[in-house]
Amino acid sequence: MATLQVRSIDDNLYKALGRRASMDNRSISQEVVSILKTHLSLPEKQYADSTLRFLEMCGSWADERSAQEIAEEIRQARQNSTRFPETL
């Protein structure tokens, strides 16, 4: 069985690993191996379509107008402000 040594881990990350390990009654080493096994056992396709999954979860903007038409509408809706003096 191979041995892996990891150096220069951020203190907060190490503490988080320790807390997570103690919840599962594991050592930090055992917890890291468990996390790696879980992560690496997931099908790679899961990561390939993450953008699509994100859009499904959050929704996406659907509009028949072109980006140029939308930008023009935004420009026309803007109001002049006297908050800042105009500079040339």
PDB file of N, CA and C in Angstrom:
ATOM      1  N   MET A   1       0.852  -1.170   0.000  1.00  0.00           N
ATOM      2  CA  MET A   1       0.000   0.000   0.000  1.00  0.00           C
ATOM      3  C   MET A   1       0.897   1.231   0.000  1.00  0.00           C
ATOM      4  N   ALA A   2       0.533   2.221  -0.814  1.00  0.00           N
ATOM      5  CA  ALA A   2       1.333   3.436  -0.954  1.00  0.00           C
ATOM      6  C   ALA A   2       1.084   4.389   0.204  1.00  0.00           C
ATOM      7  N   THR A   3       2.046   5.284   0.402  1.00  0.00           N
ATOM      8  CA  THR A   3       1.941   6.306   1.431  1.00  0.00           C
ATOM      9  C   THR A   3       1.985   7.672   0.761  1.00  0.00           C
ATOM     10  N   LEU A   4       1.129   8.567   1.208  1.00  0.00           N
ATOM     11  CA  LEU A   4       1.070   9.918   0.668  1.00  0.00           C
ATOM     12  C   LEU A   4       1.293  10.889   1.806  1.00  0.00           C
ATOM     13  N   GLN A   5       2.203  11.822   1.602  1.00  0.00           N
ATOM     14  CA  GLN A   5       2.457  12.837   2.611  1.00  0.00           C
ATOM     15  C   GLN A   5       2.118  14.195   2.009  1.00  0.00           C
ATOM     16  N   VAL A   6       1.356  14.985   2.735  1.00  0.00           N
ATOM     17  CA  VAL A   6       0.952  16.310   2.263  1.00  0.00           C
ATOM     18  C   VAL A   6       1.514  17.344   3.220  1.00  0.00           C
ATOM     19  N   ARG A   7       2.147  18.366   2.656  1.00  0.00           N
ATOM     20  CA  ARG A   7       2.764  19.408   3.487  1.00  0.00           C
ATOM     21  C   ARG A   7       2.098  20.751   3.245  1.00  0.00           C
ATOM     22  N   SER A   8       2.319  21.648   4.166  1.00  0.00           N
ATOM     23  CA  SER A   8       1.882  23.048   4.069  1.00  0.00           C
ATOM     24  C   SER A   8       0.377  23.185   3.893  1.00  0.00           C
ATOM     25  N   ILE A   9      -0.370  22.486   4.726  1.00  0.00           N
ATOM     26  CA  ILE A   9      -1.824  22.613   4.711  1.00  0.00           C
ATOM     27  C   ILE A   9      -2.206  23.795   5.584  1.00  0.00           C
ATOM     28  N   ASP A  10      -3.112  24.605   5.089  1.00  0.00           N
ATOM     29  CA  ASP A  10      -3.616  25.747   5.843  1.00  0.00           C
ATOM     30  C   ASP A  10      -4.181  25.268   7.181  1.00  0.00           C
ATOM     31  N   ASP A  11      -3.937  26.013   8.239  1.00  0.00           N
ATOM     32  CA  ASP A  11      -4.396  25.619   9.576  1.00  0.00           C
ATOM     33  C   ASP A  11      -5.911  25.442   9.643  1.00  0.00           C
ATOM     34  N   ASN A  12      -6.653  26.342   8.986  1.00  0.00           N
ATOM     35  CA  ASN A  12      -8.112  26.232   9.016  1.00  0.00           C
ATOM     36  C   ASN A  12      -8.592  24.969   8.307  1.00  0.00           C
ATOM     37  N   LEU A  13      -7.958  24.620   7.199  1.00  0.00           N
ATOM     38  CA  LEU A  13      -8.307  23.395   6.485  1.00  0.00           C
ATOM     39  C   LEU A  13      -8.013  22.174   7.355  1.00  0.00           C
ATOM     40  N   TYR A  14      -6.876  22.185   8.014  1.00  0.00           N
ATOM     41  CA  TYR A  14      -6.502  21.064   8.875  1.00  0.00           C
ATOM     42  C   TYR A  14      -7.503  20.900  10.023  1.00  0.00           C
ATOM     43  N   LYS A  15      -7.922  22.033  10.611  1.00  0.00           N
ATOM     44  CA  LYS A  15      -8.911  21.973  11.689  1.00  0.00           C
ATOM     45  C   LYS A  15     -10.247  21.448  11.178  1.00  0.00           C
ATOM     46  N   ALA A  16     -10.642  21.888   9.975  1.00  0.00           N
ATOM     47  CA  ALA A  16     -11.898  21.417   9.391  1.00  0.00           C
ATOM     48  C   ALA A  16     -11.834  19.917   9.130  1.00  0.00           C
ATOM     49  N   LEU A  17     -10.696  19.452   8.626  1.00  0.00           N
ATOM     50  CA  LEU A  17     -10.528  18.007   8.419  1.00  0.00           C
ATOM     51  C   LEU A  17     -10.622  17.262   9.743  1.00  0.00           C
ATOM     52  N   GLY A  18     -10.028  17.827  10.775  1.00  0.00           N
ATOM     53  CA  GLY A  18     -10.077  17.204  12.094  1.00  0.00           C
ATOM     54  C   GLY A  18     -11.498  17.114  12.628  1.00  0.00           C
ATOM     55  N   ARG A  19     -12.264  18.197  12.469  1.00  0.00           N
ATOM     56  CA  ARG A  19     -13.662  18.181  12.922  1.00  0.00           C
ATOM     57  C   ARG A  19     -14.471  17.142  12.151  1.00  0.00           C
ATOM     58  N   ARG A  20     -14.272  17.121  10.839  1.00  0.00           N
ATOM     59  CA  ARG A  20     -15.019  16.168  10.008  1.00  0.00           C
ATOM     60  C   ARG A  20     -14.620  14.732  10.356  1.00  0.00           C
ATOM     61  N   ALA A  21     -13.336  14.516  10.591  1.00  0.00           N
ATOM     62  CA  ALA A  21     -12.861  13.177  10.946  1.00  0.00           C
ATOM     63  C   ALA A  21     -13.448  12.728  12.280  1.00  0.00           C
ATOM     64  N   SER A  22     -13.500  13.635  13.248  1.00  0.00           N
ATOM     65  CA  SER A  22     -14.020  13.246  14.562  1.00  0.00           C
ATOM     66  C   SER A  22     -15.511  12.922  14.508  1.00  0.00           C
ATOM     67  N   MET A  23     -16.254  13.550  13.600  1.00  0.00           N
ATOM     68  CA  MET A  23     -17.680  13.226  13.463  1.00  0.00           C
ATOM     69  C   MET A  23     -17.881  11.802  12.974  1.00  0.00           C
ATOM     70  N   ASP A  24     -16.907  11.299  12.194  1.00  0.00           N
ATOM     71  CA  ASP A  24     -17.001   9.936  11.662  1.00  0.00           C
ATOM     72  C   ASP A  24     -16.123   8.948  12.425  1.00  0.00           C
ATOM     73  N   ASN A  25     -15.596   9.391  13.559  1.00  0.00           N
ATOM     74  CA  ASN A  25     -14.701   8.557  14.378  1.00  0.00           C
ATOM     75  C   ASN A  25     -13.524   8.027  13.563  1.00  0.00           C
ATOM     76  N   ARG A  26     -12.897   8.905  12.814  1.00  0.00           N
ATOM     77  CA  ARG A  26     -11.739   8.551  12.001  1.00  0.00           C
ATOM     78  C   ARG A  26     -10.576   9.444  12.357  1.00  0.00           C
ATOM     79  N   SER A  27      -9.400   8.994  11.960  1.00  0.00           N
ATOM     80  CA  SER A  27      -8.230   9.864  12.045  1.00  0.00           C
ATOM     81  C   SER A  27      -8.290  10.830  10.858  1.00  0.00           C
ATOM     82  N   ILE A  28      -7.489  11.864  10.896  1.00  0.00           N
ATOM     83  CA  ILE A  28      -7.459  12.807   9.779  1.00  0.00           C
ATOM     84  C   ILE A  28      -7.003  12.089   8.514  1.00  0.00           C
ATOM     85  N   SER A  29      -6.023  11.209   8.634  1.00  0.00           N
ATOM     86  CA  SER A  29      -5.560  10.440   7.466  1.00  0.00           C
ATOM     87  C   SER A  29      -6.676   9.609   6.873  1.00  0.00           C
ATOM     88  N   GLN A  30      -7.415   8.917   7.724  1.00  0.00           N
ATOM     89  CA  GLN A  30      -8.519   8.103   7.244  1.00  0.00           C
ATOM     90  C   GLN A  30      -9.592   8.972   6.576  1.00  0.00           C
ATOM     91  N   GLU A  31      -9.826  10.152   7.132  1.00  0.00           N
ATOM     92  CA  GLU A  31     -10.831  11.051   6.559  1.00  0.00           C
ATOM     93  C   GLU A  31     -10.406  11.540   5.181  1.00  0.00           C
ATOM     94  N   VAL A  32      -9.140  11.883   5.023  1.00  0.00           N
ATOM     95  CA  VAL A  32      -8.642  12.340   3.721  1.00  0.00           C
ATOM     96  C   VAL A  32      -8.779  11.222   2.696  1.00  0.00           C
ATOM     97  N   VAL A  33      -8.433  10.001   3.064  1.00  0.00           N
ATOM     98  CA  VAL A  33      -8.572   8.870   2.142  1.00  0.00           C
ATOM     99  C   VAL A  33     -10.044   8.680   1.774  1.00  0.00           C
ATOM    100  N   SER A  34     -10.932   8.795   2.737  1.00  0.00           N
ATOM    101  CA  SER A  34     -12.357   8.644   2.472  1.00  0.00           C
ATOM    102  C   SER A  34     -12.857   9.727   1.511  1.00  0.00           C
ATOM    103  N   ILE A  35     -12.443  10.966   1.721  1.00  0.00           N
ATOM    104  CA  ILE A  35     -12.843  12.068   0.839  1.00  0.00           C
ATOM    105  C   ILE A  35     -12.329  11.822  -0.579  1.00  0.00           C
ATOM    106  N   LEU A  36     -11.075  11.412  -0.688  1.00  0.00           N
ATOM    107  CA  LEU A  36     -10.509  11.146  -2.011  1.00  0.00           C
ATOM    108  C   LEU A  36     -11.241  10.009  -2.720  1.00  0.00           C
ATOM    109  N   LYS A  37     -11.530   8.933  -1.984  1.00  0.00           N
ATOM    110  CA  LYS A  37     -12.251   7.799  -2.583  1.00  0.00           C
ATOM    111  C   LYS A  37     -13.623   8.238  -3.077  1.00  0.00           C
ATOM    112  N   THR A  38     -14.320   8.989  -2.245  1.00  0.00           N
ATOM    113  CA  THR A  38     -15.654   9.455  -2.619  1.00  0.00           C
ATOM    114  C   THR A  38     -15.585  10.338  -3.856  1.00  0.00           C
ATOM    115  N   HIS A  39     -14.681  11.275  -3.853  1.00  0.00           N
ATOM    116  CA  HIS A  39     -14.554  12.213  -4.966  1.00  0.00           C
ATOM    117  C   HIS A  39     -14.151  11.500  -6.253  1.00  0.00           C
ATOM    118  N   LEU A  40     -13.183  10.609  -6.164  1.00  0.00           N
ATOM    119  CA  LEU A  40     -12.678   9.950  -7.360  1.00  0.00           C
ATOM    120  C   LEU A  40     -13.608   8.852  -7.873  1.00  0.00           C
ATOM    121  N   SER A  41     -14.545   8.395  -7.053  1.00  0.00           N
ATOM    122  CA  SER A  41     -15.469   7.358  -7.512  1.00  0.00           C
ATOM    123  C   SER A  41     -16.649   7.938  -8.282  1.00  0.00           C
ATOM    124  N   LEU A  42     -16.823   9.262  -8.250  1.00  0.00           N
ATOM    125  CA  LEU A  42     -17.918   9.886  -8.994  1.00  0.00           C
ATOM    126  C   LEU A  42     -17.624   9.830 -10.482  1.00  0.00           C
ATOM    127  N   PRO A  43     -18.631   9.618 -11.298  1.00  0.00           N
ATOM    128  CA  PRO A  43     -18.402   9.582 -12.741  1.00  0.00           C
ATOM    129  C   PRO A  43     -17.942  10.950 -13.247  1.00  0.00           C
ATOM    130  N   GLU A  44     -17.047  10.940 -14.202  1.00  0.00           N
ATOM    131  CA  GLU A  44     -16.493  12.191 -14.709  1.00  0.00           C
ATOM    132  C   GLU A  44     -17.542  13.021 -15.423  1.00  0.00           C
ATOM    133  N   LYS A  45     -18.567  12.379 -15.954  1.00  0.00           N
ATOM    134  CA  LYS A  45     -19.619  13.116 -16.644  1.00  0.00           C
ATOM    135  C   LYS A  45     -20.266  14.124 -15.706  1.00  0.00           C
ATOM    136  N   GLN A  46     -20.302  13.824 -14.438  1.00  0.00           N
ATOM    137  CA  GLN A  46     -20.905  14.717 -13.464  1.00  0.00           C
ATOM    138  C   GLN A  46     -20.241  16.095 -13.502  1.00  0.00           C
ATOM    139  N   TYR A  47     -18.957  16.143 -13.780  1.00  0.00           N
ATOM    140  CA  TYR A  47     -18.254  17.407 -13.806  1.00  0.00           C
ATOM    141  C   TYR A  47     -18.359  18.072 -15.173  1.00  0.00           C
ATOM    142  N   ALA A  48     -18.519  17.291 -16.223  1.00  0.00           N
ATOM    143  CA  ALA A  48     -18.573  17.837 -17.573  1.00  0.00           C
ATOM    144  C   ALA A  48     -19.813  18.685 -17.784  1.00  0.00           C
ATOM    145  N   ASP A  49     -20.932  18.307 -17.178  1.00  0.00           N
ATOM    146  CA  ASP A  49     -22.150  19.067 -17.399  1.00  0.00           C
ATOM    147  C   ASP A  49     -22.520  19.935 -16.201  1.00  0.00           C
ATOM    148  N   SER A  50     -21.545  20.369 -15.430  1.00  0.00           N
ATOM    149  CA  SER A  50     -21.836  21.152 -14.234  1.00  0.00           C
ATOM    150  C   SER A  50     -22.464  22.496 -14.566  1.00  0.00           C
ATOM    151  N   THR A  51     -22.100  23.099 -15.690  1.00  0.00           N
ATOM    152  CA  THR A  51     -22.704  24.373 -16.081  1.00  0.00           C
ATOM    153  C   THR A  51     -24.183  24.190 -16.370  1.00  0.00           C
ATOM    154  N   LEU A  52     -24.517  23.136 -17.090  1.00  0.00           N
ATOM    155  CA  LEU A  52     -25.927  22.864 -17.380  1.00  0.00           C
ATOM    156  C   LEU A  52     -26.715  22.587 -16.104  1.00  0.00           C
ATOM    157  N   ARG A  53     -26.129  21.845 -15.201  1.00  0.00           N
ATOM    158  CA  ARG A  53     -26.812  21.556 -13.935  1.00  0.00           C
ATOM    159  C   ARG A  53     -27.020  22.835 -13.131  1.00  0.00           C
ATOM    160  N   PHE A  54     -26.018  23.721 -13.146  1.00  0.00           N
ATOM    161  CA  PHE A  54     -26.140  24.989 -12.440  1.00  0.00           C
ATOM    162  C   PHE A  54     -27.290  25.809 -13.023  1.00  0.00           C
ATOM    163  N   LEU A  55     -27.362  25.890 -14.351  1.00  0.00           N
ATOM    164  CA  LEU A  55     -28.429  26.655 -14.988  1.00  0.00           C
ATOM    165  C   LEU A  55     -29.795  26.054 -14.718  1.00  0.00           C
ATOM    166  N   GLU A  56     -29.887  24.736 -14.679  1.00  0.00           N
ATOM    167  CA  GLU A  56     -31.157  24.087 -14.360  1.00  0.00           C
ATOM    168  C   GLU A  56     -31.583  24.417 -12.937  1.00  0.00           C
ATOM    169  N   MET A  57     -30.632  24.447 -12.034  1.00  0.00           N
ATOM    170  CA  MET A  57     -30.929  24.699 -10.642  1.00  0.00           C
ATOM    171  C   MET A  57     -31.327  26.166 -10.421  1.00  0.00           C
ATOM    172  N   CYS A  58     -30.634  27.088 -11.067  1.00  0.00           N
ATOM    173  CA  CYS A  58     -30.837  28.513 -10.827  1.00  0.00           C
ATOM    174  C   CYS A  58     -31.746  29.169 -11.847  1.00  0.00           C
ATOM    175  N   GLY A  59     -31.970  28.515 -12.945  1.00  0.00           N
ATOM    176  CA  GLY A  59     -32.739  29.134 -14.012  1.00  0.00           C
ATOM    177  C   GLY A  59     -31.808  29.919 -14.913  1.00  0.00           C
ATOM    178  N   SER A  60     -32.287  30.253 -16.063  1.00  0.00           N
ATOM    179  CA  SER A  60     -31.466  31.039 -16.976  1.00  0.00           C
ATOM    180  C   SER A  60     -32.359  32.046 -17.669  1.00  0.00           C
ATOM    181  N   TRP A  61     -31.766  33.040 -18.245  1.00  0.00           N
ATOM    182  CA  TRP A  61     -32.478  34.108 -18.905  1.00  0.00           C
ATOM    183  C   TRP A  61     -32.874  33.658 -20.299  1.00  0.00           C
ATOM    184  N   ALA A  62     -34.161  33.741 -20.605  1.00  0.00           N
ATOM    185  CA  ALA A  62     -34.636  33.393 -21.940  1.00  0.00           C
ATOM    186  C   ALA A  62     -35.225  34.647 -22.568  1.00  0.00           C
ATOM    187  N   ASP A  63     -34.685  35.049 -23.694  1.00  0.00           N
ATOM    188  CA  ASP A  63     -35.154  36.253 -24.377  1.00  0.00           C
ATOM    189  C   ASP A  63     -34.911  36.087 -25.866  1.00  0.00           C
ATOM    190  N   GLU A  64     -35.885  36.465 -26.646  1.00  0.00           N
ATOM    191  CA  GLU A  64     -35.770  36.332 -28.098  1.00  0.00           C
ATOM    192  C   GLU A  64     -34.943  37.450 -28.723  1.00  0.00           C
ATOM    193  N   ARG A  65     -34.731  38.520 -27.968  1.00  0.00           N
ATOM    194  CA  ARG A  65     -33.985  39.660 -28.502  1.00  0.00           C
ATOM    195  C   ARG A  65     -32.490  39.362 -28.521  1.00  0.00           C
ATOM    196  N   SER A  66     -31.791  40.064 -29.391  1.00  0.00           N
ATOM    197  CA  SER A  66     -30.330  39.914 -29.442  1.00  0.00           C
ATOM    198  C   SER A  66     -29.711  40.672 -28.274  1.00  0.00           C
ATOM    199  N   ALA A  67     -28.469  40.370 -27.982  1.00  0.00           N
ATOM    200  CA  ALA A  67     -27.762  41.068 -26.904  1.00  0.00           C
ATOM    201  C   ALA A  67     -27.704  42.561 -27.187  1.00  0.00           C
ATOM    202  N   GLN A  68     -27.546  42.914 -28.456  1.00  0.00           N
ATOM    203  CA  GLN A  68     -27.479  44.326 -28.852  1.00  0.00           C
ATOM    204  C   GLN A  68     -28.808  45.032 -28.546  1.00  0.00           C
ATOM    205  N   GLU A  69     -29.927  44.382 -28.833  1.00  0.00           N
ATOM    206  CA  GLU A  69     -31.234  44.967 -28.560  1.00  0.00           C
ATOM    207  C   GLU A  69     -31.459  45.141 -27.055  1.00  0.00           C
ATOM    208  N   ILE A  70     -31.045  44.178 -26.281  1.00  0.00           N
ATOM    209  CA  ILE A  70     -31.193  44.258 -24.823  1.00  0.00           C
ATOM    210  C   ILE A  70     -30.339  45.393 -24.280  1.00  0.00           C
ATOM    211  N   ALA A  71     -29.104  45.496 -24.749  1.00  0.00           N
ATOM    212  CA  ALA A  71     -28.210  46.563 -24.291  1.00  0.00           C
ATOM    213  C   ALA A  71     -28.781  47.931 -24.648  1.00  0.00           C
ATOM    214  N   GLU A  72     -29.343  48.070 -25.826  1.00  0.00           N
ATOM    215  CA  GLU A  72     -29.931  49.347 -26.248  1.00  0.00           C
ATOM    216  C   GLU A  72     -31.112  49.720 -25.352  1.00  0.00           C
ATOM    217  N   GLU A  73     -31.938  48.737 -25.007  1.00  0.00           N
ATOM    218  CA  GLU A  73     -33.067  49.006 -24.108  1.00  0.00           C
ATOM    219  C   GLU A  73     -32.573  49.481 -22.747  1.00  0.00           C
ATOM    220  N   ILE A  74     -31.519  48.880 -22.250  1.00  0.00           N
ATOM    221  CA  ILE A  74     -30.956  49.292 -20.962  1.00  0.00           C
ATOM    222  C   ILE A  74     -30.440  50.723 -21.049  1.00  0.00           C
ATOM    223  N   ARG A  75     -29.743  51.050 -22.141  1.00  0.00           N
ATOM    224  CA  ARG A  75     -29.225  52.415 -22.317  1.00  0.00           C
ATOM    225  C   ARG A  75     -30.355  53.438 -22.345  1.00  0.00           C
ATOM    226  N   GLN A  76     -31.421  53.115 -23.034  1.00  0.00           N
ATOM    227  CA  GLN A  76     -32.542  54.045 -23.152  1.00  0.00           C
ATOM    228  C   GLN A  76     -33.281  54.218 -21.827  1.00  0.00           C
ATOM    229  N   ALA A  77     -33.266  53.200 -20.991  1.00  0.00           N
ATOM    230  CA  ALA A  77     -33.965  53.264 -19.709  1.00  0.00           C
ATOM    231  C   ALA A  77     -33.180  54.044 -18.658  1.00  0.00           C
ATOM    232  N   ARG A  78     -31.935  54.290 -18.896  1.00  0.00           N
ATOM    233  CA  ARG A  78     -31.115  55.023 -17.931  1.00  0.00           C
ATOM    234  C   ARG A  78     -31.569  56.472 -17.843  1.00  0.00           C
ATOM    235  N   GLN A  79     -31.472  57.002 -16.651  1.00  0.00           N
ATOM    236  CA  GLN A  79     -31.835  58.393 -16.432  1.00  0.00           C
ATOM    237  C   GLN A  79     -30.586  59.174 -16.079  1.00  0.00           C
ATOM    238  N   ASN A  80     -30.549  60.413 -16.542  1.00  0.00           N
ATOM    239  CA  ASN A  80     -29.417  61.265 -16.188  1.00  0.00           C
ATOM    240  C   ASN A  80     -29.492  61.602 -14.713  1.00  0.00           C
ATOM    241  N   SER A  81     -28.361  61.708 -14.092  1.00  0.00           N
ATOM    242  CA  SER A  81     -28.291  61.998 -12.685  1.00  0.00           C
ATOM    243  C   SER A  81     -27.494  63.264 -12.460  1.00  0.00           C
ATOM    244  N   THR A  82     -27.898  64.044 -11.504  1.00  0.00           N
ATOM    245  CA  THR A  82     -27.128  65.235 -11.140  1.00  0.00           C
ATOM    246  C   THR A  82     -26.225  64.933  -9.954  1.00  0.00           C
ATOM    247  N   ARG A  83     -26.149  63.692  -9.618  1.00  0.00           N
ATOM    248  CA  ARG A  83     -25.334  63.295  -8.463  1.00  0.00           C
ATOM    249  C   ARG A  83     -23.863  63.602  -8.690  1.00  0.00           C
ATOM    250  N   PHE A  84     -23.389  63.335  -9.884  1.00  0.00           N
ATOM    251  CA  PHE A  84     -21.985  63.584 -10.214  1.00  0.00           C
ATOM    252  C   PHE A  84     -21.929  64.592 -11.337  1.00  0.00           C
ATOM    253  N   PRO A  85     -21.043  65.560 -11.231  1.00  0.00           N
ATOM    254  CA  PRO A  85     -20.925  66.522 -12.323  1.00  0.00           C
ATOM    255  C   PRO A  85     -20.360  65.842 -13.561  1.00  0.00           C
ATOM    256  N   GLU A  86     -20.832  66.267 -14.725  1.00  0.00           N
ATOM    257  CA  GLU A  86     -20.345  65.673 -15.963  1.00  0.00           C
ATOM    258  C   GLU A  86     -18.909  66.122 -16.207  1.00  0.00           C
ATOM    259  N   THR A  87     -18.113  65.196 -16.665  1.00  0.00           N
ATOM    260  CA  THR A  87     -16.732  65.525 -17.019  1.00  0.00           C
ATOM    261  C   THR A  87     -16.544  65.235 -18.487  1.00  0.00           C
ATOM    262  N   LEU A  88     -15.767  66.056 -19.123  1.00  0.00           N
ATOM    263  CA  LEU A  88     -15.501  65.864 -20.549  1.00  0.00           C
ATOM    264  C   LEU A  88     -14.174  65.231 -20.778  1.00  0.00           C
TER     265      LEU A  88
END
